[in-house]
Amino acid sequence: METPITRKKFIQLMALTGASALAPSALAATAVTPGLQWARLRFLSEGADDRNWTVHPHGDLNLIDHINLHSNLKILKKFNAPKIQNLEQMTQYPFLFMHSESAPELDDTARANLREYMLRGGFLFAEDCVIGYGTKGHNKLNDHFFTTMFDELRRVLPEAKLETVPLDHPLFHAFHRLNDWPHMQGAPHGPWSLTLRGRMLALLSPSDLHCGWANGVKWFGAEKADAAFKMATNIYIHAMTQNA
């Protein structure tokens, strides 16, 4: 069984091989050890729904293909699902994707685990799936996940800064160079980062990039789908290589 690689170990390997988050050509040309794994966080949504976090899992696998194709990072094509109630499971993965159509229901254990996970060096990418069929009706501006997680992140880490991500942030050129934040659908709140002592701990998005990975060409057109993949690649690489 492949042992998941930690963010610290990944940074060490990048330093040894000379690759840099700000040098895509170096990263694309440098072989990185296997052990990178993708994980989507498992949690309860409103009404104690234990299935909503699973929406369109093939989108995650499509993103893995994109990252592996366009760089020499080799993320295992496997869907891991650590539970938010189990800190030991969460801390096996330096990057967690959190996604659903409806609002999360977090209890004190879930909040404490999220806090500890991020303080230990983990990164959370939380994104609103926005449509919410079967929960809030066919509302294409659904932002129930986003607004709930906005409040939860402030509650989980009140000492951290929750602020909009400016266009000159390294996130926009961590690997691909992008001039704007891709927006697939939903209320256009823009991306928000949770930062503490210079490190981005979490990124909160209302824009449903994930649907761009899942079936973006059909739903939004090739250009927007491509931007969704590129932005997600940047998020992953920035999260894994930031040194703070």
C-alpha atoms as a PDB file:
ATOM      1  CA  MET A   1       0.000   0.000   0.000  1.00  0.00           C
ATOM      2  CA  GLU A   2       1.325   3.446  -0.951  1.00  0.00           C
ATOM      3  CA  THR A   3       2.031   5.651   2.065  1.00  0.00           C
ATOM      4  CA  PRO A   4       0.593   9.151   1.655  1.00  0.00           C
ATOM      5  CA  ILE A   5       3.280  11.814   1.405  1.00  0.00           C
ATOM      6  CA  THR A   6       3.180  14.705   3.862  1.00  0.00           C
ATOM      7  CA  ARG A   7       3.302  18.342   2.771  1.00  0.00           C
ATOM      8  CA  LYS A   8       6.596  18.772   4.660  1.00  0.00           C
ATOM      9  CA  LYS A   9       8.161  15.825   2.858  1.00  0.00           C
ATOM     10  CA  PHE A  10       6.844  17.103  -0.475  1.00  0.00           C
ATOM     11  CA  ILE A  11       8.452  20.513   0.103  1.00  0.00           C
ATOM     12  CA  GLN A  12      11.744  18.826   1.019  1.00  0.00           C
ATOM     13  CA  LEU A  13      11.671  16.775  -2.174  1.00  0.00           C
ATOM     14  CA  MET A  14      10.871  19.848  -4.260  1.00  0.00           C
ATOM     15  CA  ALA A  15      13.844  21.661  -2.700  1.00  0.00           C
ATOM     16  CA  LEU A  16      16.175  18.741  -3.362  1.00  0.00           C
ATOM     17  CA  THR A  17      15.152  18.522  -7.013  1.00  0.00           C
ATOM     18  CA  GLY A  18      15.183  22.280  -7.558  1.00  0.00           C
ATOM     19  CA  ALA A  19      11.504  22.568  -8.464  1.00  0.00           C
ATOM     20  CA  SER A  20       9.547  25.630  -7.386  1.00  0.00           C
ATOM     21  CA  ALA A  21       5.902  26.597  -7.186  1.00  0.00           C
ATOM     22  CA  LEU A  22       6.842  29.752  -9.068  1.00  0.00           C
ATOM     23  CA  ALA A  23       8.752  27.888 -11.771  1.00  0.00           C
ATOM     24  CA  PRO A  24       6.313  25.695 -13.731  1.00  0.00           C
ATOM     25  CA  SER A  25       8.996  24.608 -16.186  1.00  0.00           C
ATOM     26  CA  ALA A  26      11.085  23.167 -13.363  1.00  0.00           C
ATOM     27  CA  LEU A  27       8.109  21.421 -11.819  1.00  0.00           C
ATOM     28  CA  ALA A  28       6.994  20.006 -15.151  1.00  0.00           C
ATOM     29  CA  ALA A  29      10.473  18.666 -15.844  1.00  0.00           C
ATOM     30  CA  THR A  30      11.198  17.201 -12.427  1.00  0.00           C
ATOM     31  CA  ALA A  31      10.257  13.718 -11.336  1.00  0.00           C
ATOM     32  CA  VAL A  32       8.620  13.714  -7.914  1.00  0.00           C
ATOM     33  CA  THR A  33       8.405  10.610  -5.756  1.00  0.00           C
ATOM     34  CA  PRO A  34       5.090   8.710  -5.708  1.00  0.00           C
ATOM     35  CA  GLY A  35       2.885   8.829  -2.656  1.00  0.00           C
ATOM     36  CA  LEU A  36       0.736  11.872  -3.426  1.00  0.00           C
ATOM     37  CA  GLN A  37      -2.894  11.061  -2.718  1.00  0.00           C
ATOM     38  CA  TRP A  38      -6.163  12.882  -3.239  1.00  0.00           C
ATOM     39  CA  ALA A  39      -8.786  12.981  -0.494  1.00  0.00           C
ATOM     40  CA  ARG A  40     -12.312  14.344  -0.267  1.00  0.00           C
ATOM     41  CA  LEU A  41     -13.552  15.048   3.249  1.00  0.00           C
ATOM     42  CA  ARG A  42     -16.572  13.086   4.453  1.00  0.00           C
ATOM     43  CA  PHE A  43     -19.014  15.071   6.606  1.00  0.00           C
ATOM     44  CA  LEU A  44     -22.698  15.484   7.380  1.00  0.00           C
ATOM     45  CA  SER A  45     -24.827  18.009   5.521  1.00  0.00           C
ATOM     46  CA  GLU A  46     -28.075  19.539   6.759  1.00  0.00           C
ATOM     47  CA  GLY A  47     -30.629  16.981   7.826  1.00  0.00           C
ATOM     48  CA  ALA A  48     -27.819  14.592   8.835  1.00  0.00           C
ATOM     49  CA  ASP A  49     -27.256  13.762   5.163  1.00  0.00           C
ATOM     50  CA  ASP A  50     -24.223  11.461   4.836  1.00  0.00           C
ATOM     51  CA  ARG A  51     -24.283  11.310   1.017  1.00  0.00           C
ATOM     52  CA  ASN A  52     -24.185  14.889  -0.179  1.00  0.00           C
ATOM     53  CA  TRP A  53     -20.396  15.147   0.143  1.00  0.00           C
ATOM     54  CA  THR A  54     -20.037  12.501  -2.617  1.00  0.00           C
ATOM     55  CA  VAL A  55     -21.473  14.577  -5.509  1.00  0.00           C
ATOM     56  CA  HIS A  56     -19.808  13.830  -8.910  1.00  0.00           C
ATOM     57  CA  PRO A  57     -16.716  11.957  -7.618  1.00  0.00           C
ATOM     58  CA  HIS A  58     -15.476  11.433 -11.180  1.00  0.00           C
ATOM     59  CA  GLY A  59     -14.650  15.145 -11.278  1.00  0.00           C
ATOM     60  CA  ASP A  60     -11.885  14.573  -8.728  1.00  0.00           C
ATOM     61  CA  LEU A  61     -10.448  11.765 -10.836  1.00  0.00           C
ATOM     62  CA  ASN A  62     -10.532  13.960 -13.947  1.00  0.00           C
ATOM     63  CA  LEU A  63      -8.567  16.598 -12.063  1.00  0.00           C
ATOM     64  CA  ILE A  64      -5.975  14.026 -11.017  1.00  0.00           C
ATOM     65  CA  ASP A  65      -5.579  13.084 -14.689  1.00  0.00           C
ATOM     66  CA  HIS A  66      -5.103  16.748 -15.609  1.00  0.00           C
ATOM     67  CA  ILE A  67      -2.452  17.384 -12.948  1.00  0.00           C
ATOM     68  CA  ASN A  68      -0.585  14.188 -13.812  1.00  0.00           C
ATOM     69  CA  LEU A  69      -0.713  14.952 -17.539  1.00  0.00           C
ATOM     70  CA  HIS A  70       0.489  18.550 -17.315  1.00  0.00           C
ATOM     71  CA  SER A  71       3.153  18.155 -14.642  1.00  0.00           C
ATOM     72  CA  ASN A  72       5.435  15.444 -13.325  1.00  0.00           C
ATOM     73  CA  LEU A  73       3.448  15.209 -10.137  1.00  0.00           C
ATOM     74  CA  LYS A  74       2.029  11.714  -9.844  1.00  0.00           C
ATOM     75  CA  ILE A  75      -1.111  11.713  -7.722  1.00  0.00           C
ATOM     76  CA  LEU A  76      -2.519   8.237  -7.288  1.00  0.00           C
ATOM     77  CA  LYS A  77      -5.842   7.906  -9.098  1.00  0.00           C
ATOM     78  CA  LYS A  78      -7.750   6.916  -6.011  1.00  0.00           C
ATOM     79  CA  PHE A  79     -10.651   8.493  -4.147  1.00  0.00           C
ATOM     80  CA  ASN A  80      -9.857   8.617  -0.416  1.00  0.00           C
ATOM     81  CA  ALA A  81     -12.581   9.730   2.010  1.00  0.00           C
ATOM     82  CA  PRO A  82     -11.358  10.538   5.525  1.00  0.00           C
ATOM     83  CA  LYS A  83     -14.112  11.332   8.013  1.00  0.00           C
ATOM     84  CA  ILE A  84     -14.270  14.742   9.635  1.00  0.00           C
ATOM     85  CA  GLN A  85     -14.938  12.998  12.938  1.00  0.00           C
ATOM     86  CA  ASN A  86     -11.594  11.164  12.736  1.00  0.00           C
ATOM     87  CA  LEU A  87      -8.545  13.436  13.040  1.00  0.00           C
ATOM     88  CA  GLU A  88      -6.134  10.549  12.512  1.00  0.00           C
ATOM     89  CA  GLN A  89      -7.709   9.823   9.130  1.00  0.00           C
ATOM     90  CA  MET A  90      -7.679  13.501   8.147  1.00  0.00           C
ATOM     91  CA  THR A  91      -4.012  14.052   8.973  1.00  0.00           C
ATOM     92  CA  GLN A  92      -2.923  11.301   6.569  1.00  0.00           C
ATOM     93  CA  TYR A  93      -3.588  13.777   3.751  1.00  0.00           C
ATOM     94  CA  PRO A  94      -1.928  17.225   3.468  1.00  0.00           C
ATOM     95  CA  PHE A  95      -4.697  18.453   1.121  1.00  0.00           C
ATOM     96  CA  LEU A  96      -8.421  17.913   1.675  1.00  0.00           C
ATOM     97  CA  PHE A  97     -11.223  18.796  -0.745  1.00  0.00           C
ATOM     98  CA  MET A  98     -14.592  19.579   0.883  1.00  0.00           C
ATOM     99  CA  HIS A  99     -17.620  19.851  -1.393  1.00  0.00           C
ATOM    100  CA  SER A 100     -21.396  19.475  -1.318  1.00  0.00           C
ATOM    101  CA  GLU A 101     -24.665  20.906  -2.618  1.00  0.00           C
ATOM    102  CA  SER A 102     -26.080  21.816   0.787  1.00  0.00           C
ATOM    103  CA  ALA A 103     -24.878  23.346   4.031  1.00  0.00           C
ATOM    104  CA  PRO A 104     -22.530  21.303   6.232  1.00  0.00           C
ATOM    105  CA  GLU A 105     -23.634  20.404   9.737  1.00  0.00           C
ATOM    106  CA  LEU A 106     -20.533  20.572  11.939  1.00  0.00           C
ATOM    107  CA  ASP A 107     -20.475  19.683  15.607  1.00  0.00           C
ATOM    108  CA  ASP A 108     -17.793  20.560  18.152  1.00  0.00           C
ATOM    109  CA  THR A 109     -15.707  17.487  17.282  1.00  0.00           C
ATOM    110  CA  ALA A 110     -15.734  18.336  13.578  1.00  0.00           C
ATOM    111  CA  ARG A 111     -14.738  21.944  14.317  1.00  0.00           C
ATOM    112  CA  ALA A 112     -11.950  20.878  16.671  1.00  0.00           C
ATOM    113  CA  ASN A 113     -10.628  18.403  14.099  1.00  0.00           C
ATOM    114  CA  LEU A 114     -10.663  20.988  11.306  1.00  0.00           C
ATOM    115  CA  ARG A 115      -8.800  23.414  13.530  1.00  0.00           C
ATOM    116  CA  GLU A 116      -6.166  20.886  14.545  1.00  0.00           C
ATOM    117  CA  TYR A 117      -5.780  19.606  10.983  1.00  0.00           C
ATOM    118  CA  MET A 118      -5.059  23.089   9.622  1.00  0.00           C
ATOM    119  CA  LEU A 119      -2.779  24.068  12.517  1.00  0.00           C
ATOM    120  CA  ARG A 120      -0.730  20.922  11.928  1.00  0.00           C
ATOM    121  CA  GLY A 121      -0.056  22.044   8.365  1.00  0.00           C
ATOM    122  CA  GLY A 122      -3.006  20.605   6.441  1.00  0.00           C
ATOM    123  CA  PHE A 123      -4.798  22.563   3.716  1.00  0.00           C
ATOM    124  CA  LEU A 124      -8.570  22.657   3.167  1.00  0.00           C
ATOM    125  CA  PHE A 125     -10.127  23.541  -0.202  1.00  0.00           C
ATOM    126  CA  ALA A 126     -13.834  24.015   0.500  1.00  0.00           C
ATOM    127  CA  GLU A 127     -16.100  24.623  -2.478  1.00  0.00           C
ATOM    128  CA  ASP A 128     -19.816  25.125  -2.972  1.00  0.00           C
ATOM    129  CA  CYS A 129     -21.504  22.784  -5.476  1.00  0.00           C
ATOM    130  CA  VAL A 130     -24.232  25.496  -5.621  1.00  0.00           C
ATOM    131  CA  ILE A 131     -27.163  23.795  -7.388  1.00  0.00           C
ATOM    132  CA  GLY A 132     -28.620  21.948  -4.436  1.00  0.00           C
ATOM    133  CA  TYR A 133     -31.238  19.871  -6.286  1.00  0.00           C
ATOM    134  CA  GLY A 134     -33.451  18.077  -3.798  1.00  0.00           C
ATOM    135  CA  THR A 135     -32.391  20.292  -0.920  1.00  0.00           C
ATOM    136  CA  LYS A 136     -33.100  23.918  -1.794  1.00  0.00           C
ATOM    137  CA  GLY A 137     -34.766  23.655  -5.186  1.00  0.00           C
ATOM    138  CA  HIS A 138     -33.359  24.412  -8.626  1.00  0.00           C
ATOM    139  CA  ASN A 139     -31.582  27.592  -7.605  1.00  0.00           C
ATOM    140  CA  LYS A 140     -28.485  28.335  -9.694  1.00  0.00           C
ATOM    141  CA  LEU A 141     -27.375  30.952  -7.182  1.00  0.00           C
ATOM    142  CA  ASN A 142     -27.447  28.523  -4.254  1.00  0.00           C
ATOM    143  CA  ASP A 143     -24.616  29.439  -1.893  1.00  0.00           C
ATOM    144  CA  HIS A 144     -25.696  27.554   1.231  1.00  0.00           C
ATOM    145  CA  PHE A 145     -22.436  25.617   1.485  1.00  0.00           C
ATOM    146  CA  PHE A 146     -20.359  28.758   0.944  1.00  0.00           C
ATOM    147  CA  THR A 147     -22.153  30.958   3.473  1.00  0.00           C
ATOM    148  CA  THR A 148     -22.172  28.220   6.104  1.00  0.00           C
ATOM    149  CA  MET A 149     -18.480  27.439   5.674  1.00  0.00           C
ATOM    150  CA  PHE A 150     -17.652  31.156   5.728  1.00  0.00           C
ATOM    151  CA  ASP A 151     -19.116  31.360   9.229  1.00  0.00           C
ATOM    152  CA  GLU A 152     -17.610  28.031  10.274  1.00  0.00           C
ATOM    153  CA  LEU A 153     -14.060  28.977   9.248  1.00  0.00           C
ATOM    154  CA  ARG A 154     -14.299  32.170  11.289  1.00  0.00           C
ATOM    155  CA  ARG A 155     -15.542  30.093  14.211  1.00  0.00           C
ATOM    156  CA  VAL A 156     -12.916  27.347  13.843  1.00  0.00           C
ATOM    157  CA  LEU A 157      -9.947  29.741  13.624  1.00  0.00           C
ATOM    158  CA  PRO A 158     -10.985  33.181  14.876  1.00  0.00           C
ATOM    159  CA  GLU A 159      -7.343  34.256  15.114  1.00  0.00           C
ATOM    160  CA  ALA A 160      -6.810  33.733  11.366  1.00  0.00           C
ATOM    161  CA  LYS A 161      -7.651  36.225   8.604  1.00  0.00           C
ATOM    162  CA  LEU A 162     -10.537  35.374   6.277  1.00  0.00           C
ATOM    163  CA  GLU A 163     -10.220  37.684   3.282  1.00  0.00           C
ATOM    164  CA  THR A 164     -10.746  37.837  -0.453  1.00  0.00           C
ATOM    165  CA  VAL A 165      -7.853  36.629  -2.603  1.00  0.00           C
ATOM    166  CA  PRO A 166      -6.395  39.488  -4.693  1.00  0.00           C
ATOM    167  CA  LEU A 167      -5.526  38.930  -8.356  1.00  0.00           C
ATOM    168  CA  ASP A 168      -1.826  39.493  -7.671  1.00  0.00           C
ATOM    169  CA  HIS A 169      -1.715  36.578  -5.214  1.00  0.00           C
ATOM    170  CA  PRO A 170       0.801  33.777  -6.057  1.00  0.00           C
ATOM    171  CA  LEU A 171      -2.170  31.440  -6.351  1.00  0.00           C
ATOM    172  CA  PHE A 172      -2.837  32.841  -9.825  1.00  0.00           C
ATOM    173  CA  HIS A 173       0.568  31.851 -11.145  1.00  0.00           C
ATOM    174  CA  ALA A 174       1.547  28.887  -8.964  1.00  0.00           C
ATOM    175  CA  PHE A 175       1.770  26.752 -12.119  1.00  0.00           C
ATOM    176  CA  HIS A 176      -0.567  28.050 -14.829  1.00  0.00           C
ATOM    177  CA  ARG A 177      -0.775  31.818 -15.290  1.00  0.00           C
ATOM    178  CA  LEU A 178      -4.347  33.033 -14.885  1.00  0.00           C
ATOM    179  CA  ASN A 179      -5.592  36.606 -14.948  1.00  0.00           C
ATOM    180  CA  ASP A 180      -8.863  36.037 -13.126  1.00  0.00           C
ATOM    181  CA  TRP A 181     -10.732  33.588 -10.929  1.00  0.00           C
ATOM    182  CA  PRO A 182     -12.743  31.102 -13.067  1.00  0.00           C
ATOM    183  CA  HIS A 183     -16.436  31.095 -12.188  1.00  0.00           C
ATOM    184  CA  MET A 184     -18.611  28.212 -13.360  1.00  0.00           C
ATOM    185  CA  GLN A 185     -21.871  28.968 -11.547  1.00  0.00           C
ATOM    186  CA  GLY A 186     -23.330  30.225  -8.288  1.00  0.00           C
ATOM    187  CA  ALA A 187     -23.287  33.542  -6.448  1.00  0.00           C
ATOM    188  CA  PRO A 188     -20.089  35.405  -7.453  1.00  0.00           C
ATOM    189  CA  HIS A 189     -18.604  36.008  -4.017  1.00  0.00           C
ATOM    190  CA  GLY A 190     -15.080  35.348  -5.283  1.00  0.00           C
ATOM    191  CA  PRO A 191     -12.457  33.190  -3.551  1.00  0.00           C
ATOM    192  CA  TRP A 192     -11.639  33.711   0.121  1.00  0.00           C
ATOM    193  CA  SER A 193      -8.501  32.582   1.915  1.00  0.00           C
ATOM    194  CA  LEU A 194      -7.981  31.744   5.569  1.00  0.00           C
ATOM    195  CA  THR A 195      -4.441  32.742   6.509  1.00  0.00           C
ATOM    196  CA  LEU A 196      -2.432  32.611   9.713  1.00  0.00           C
ATOM    197  CA  ARG A 197       1.147  33.833  10.137  1.00  0.00           C
ATOM    198  CA  GLY A 198       1.633  34.042   6.380  1.00  0.00           C
ATOM    199  CA  ARG A 199       0.334  30.574   5.482  1.00  0.00           C
ATOM    200  CA  MET A 200      -2.900  29.931   3.640  1.00  0.00           C
ATOM    201  CA  LEU A 201      -4.728  27.301   5.699  1.00  0.00           C
ATOM    202  CA  ALA A 202      -7.893  27.093   3.630  1.00  0.00           C
ATOM    203  CA  LEU A 203      -9.461  28.362   0.433  1.00  0.00           C
ATOM    204  CA  LEU A 204     -13.224  28.857   0.216  1.00  0.00           C
ATOM    205  CA  SER A 205     -14.862  29.119  -3.212  1.00  0.00           C
ATOM    206  CA  PRO A 206     -18.483  29.671  -4.300  1.00  0.00           C
ATOM    207  CA  SER A 207     -17.682  29.079  -7.976  1.00  0.00           C
ATOM    208  CA  ASP A 208     -18.144  25.319  -8.463  1.00  0.00           C
ATOM    209  CA  LEU A 209     -14.836  24.679 -10.209  1.00  0.00           C
ATOM    210  CA  HIS A 210     -15.564  21.026  -9.536  1.00  0.00           C
ATOM    211  CA  CYS A 211     -18.390  20.965 -12.077  1.00  0.00           C
ATOM    212  CA  GLY A 212     -15.818  22.223 -14.559  1.00  0.00           C
ATOM    213  CA  TRP A 213     -13.786  19.085 -13.834  1.00  0.00           C
ATOM    214  CA  ALA A 214     -16.823  16.803 -13.854  1.00  0.00           C
ATOM    215  CA  ASN A 215     -18.415  17.747 -17.191  1.00  0.00           C
ATOM    216  CA  GLY A 216     -17.280  21.273 -17.883  1.00  0.00           C
ATOM    217  CA  VAL A 217     -17.029  21.186 -21.665  1.00  0.00           C
ATOM    218  CA  LYS A 218     -20.696  20.202 -21.975  1.00  0.00           C
ATOM    219  CA  TRP A 219     -21.995  22.469 -19.220  1.00  0.00           C
ATOM    220  CA  PHE A 220     -19.825  25.589 -19.567  1.00  0.00           C
ATOM    221  CA  GLY A 221     -17.755  25.299 -22.737  1.00  0.00           C
ATOM    222  CA  ALA A 222     -14.159  24.224 -23.347  1.00  0.00           C
ATOM    223  CA  GLU A 223     -12.550  27.519 -22.307  1.00  0.00           C
ATOM    224  CA  LYS A 224     -14.200  27.649 -18.889  1.00  0.00           C
ATOM    225  CA  ALA A 225     -13.604  23.936 -18.291  1.00  0.00           C
ATOM    226  CA  ASP A 226      -9.927  24.408 -19.070  1.00  0.00           C
ATOM    227  CA  ALA A 227      -9.737  27.347 -16.656  1.00  0.00           C
ATOM    228  CA  ALA A 228     -11.354  25.255 -13.908  1.00  0.00           C
ATOM    229  CA  PHE A 229      -8.692  22.564 -14.301  1.00  0.00           C
ATOM    230  CA  LYS A 230      -5.884  25.107 -14.390  1.00  0.00           C
ATOM    231  CA  MET A 231      -7.074  26.963 -11.294  1.00  0.00           C
ATOM    232  CA  ALA A 232      -7.462  23.726  -9.359  1.00  0.00           C
ATOM    233  CA  THR A 233      -3.937  22.705 -10.363  1.00  0.00           C
ATOM    234  CA  ASN A 234      -2.683  26.048  -9.067  1.00  0.00           C
ATOM    235  CA  ILE A 235      -4.577  25.590  -5.797  1.00  0.00           C
ATOM    236  CA  TYR A 236      -3.106  22.142  -5.251  1.00  0.00           C
ATOM    237  CA  ILE A 237       0.470  23.170  -6.071  1.00  0.00           C
ATOM    238  CA  HIS A 238       0.289  26.398  -4.052  1.00  0.00           C
ATOM    239  CA  ALA A 239      -1.125  24.548  -1.051  1.00  0.00           C
ATOM    240  CA  MET A 240       1.536  21.851  -1.211  1.00  0.00           C
ATOM    241  CA  THR A 241       4.536  24.118  -1.784  1.00  0.00           C
ATOM    242  CA  GLN A 242       3.952  27.198   0.362  1.00  0.00           C
ATOM    243  CA  ASN A 243       6.788  27.258   2.864  1.00  0.00           C
ATOM    244  CA  ALA A 244       5.221  28.937   5.864  1.00  0.00           C
END
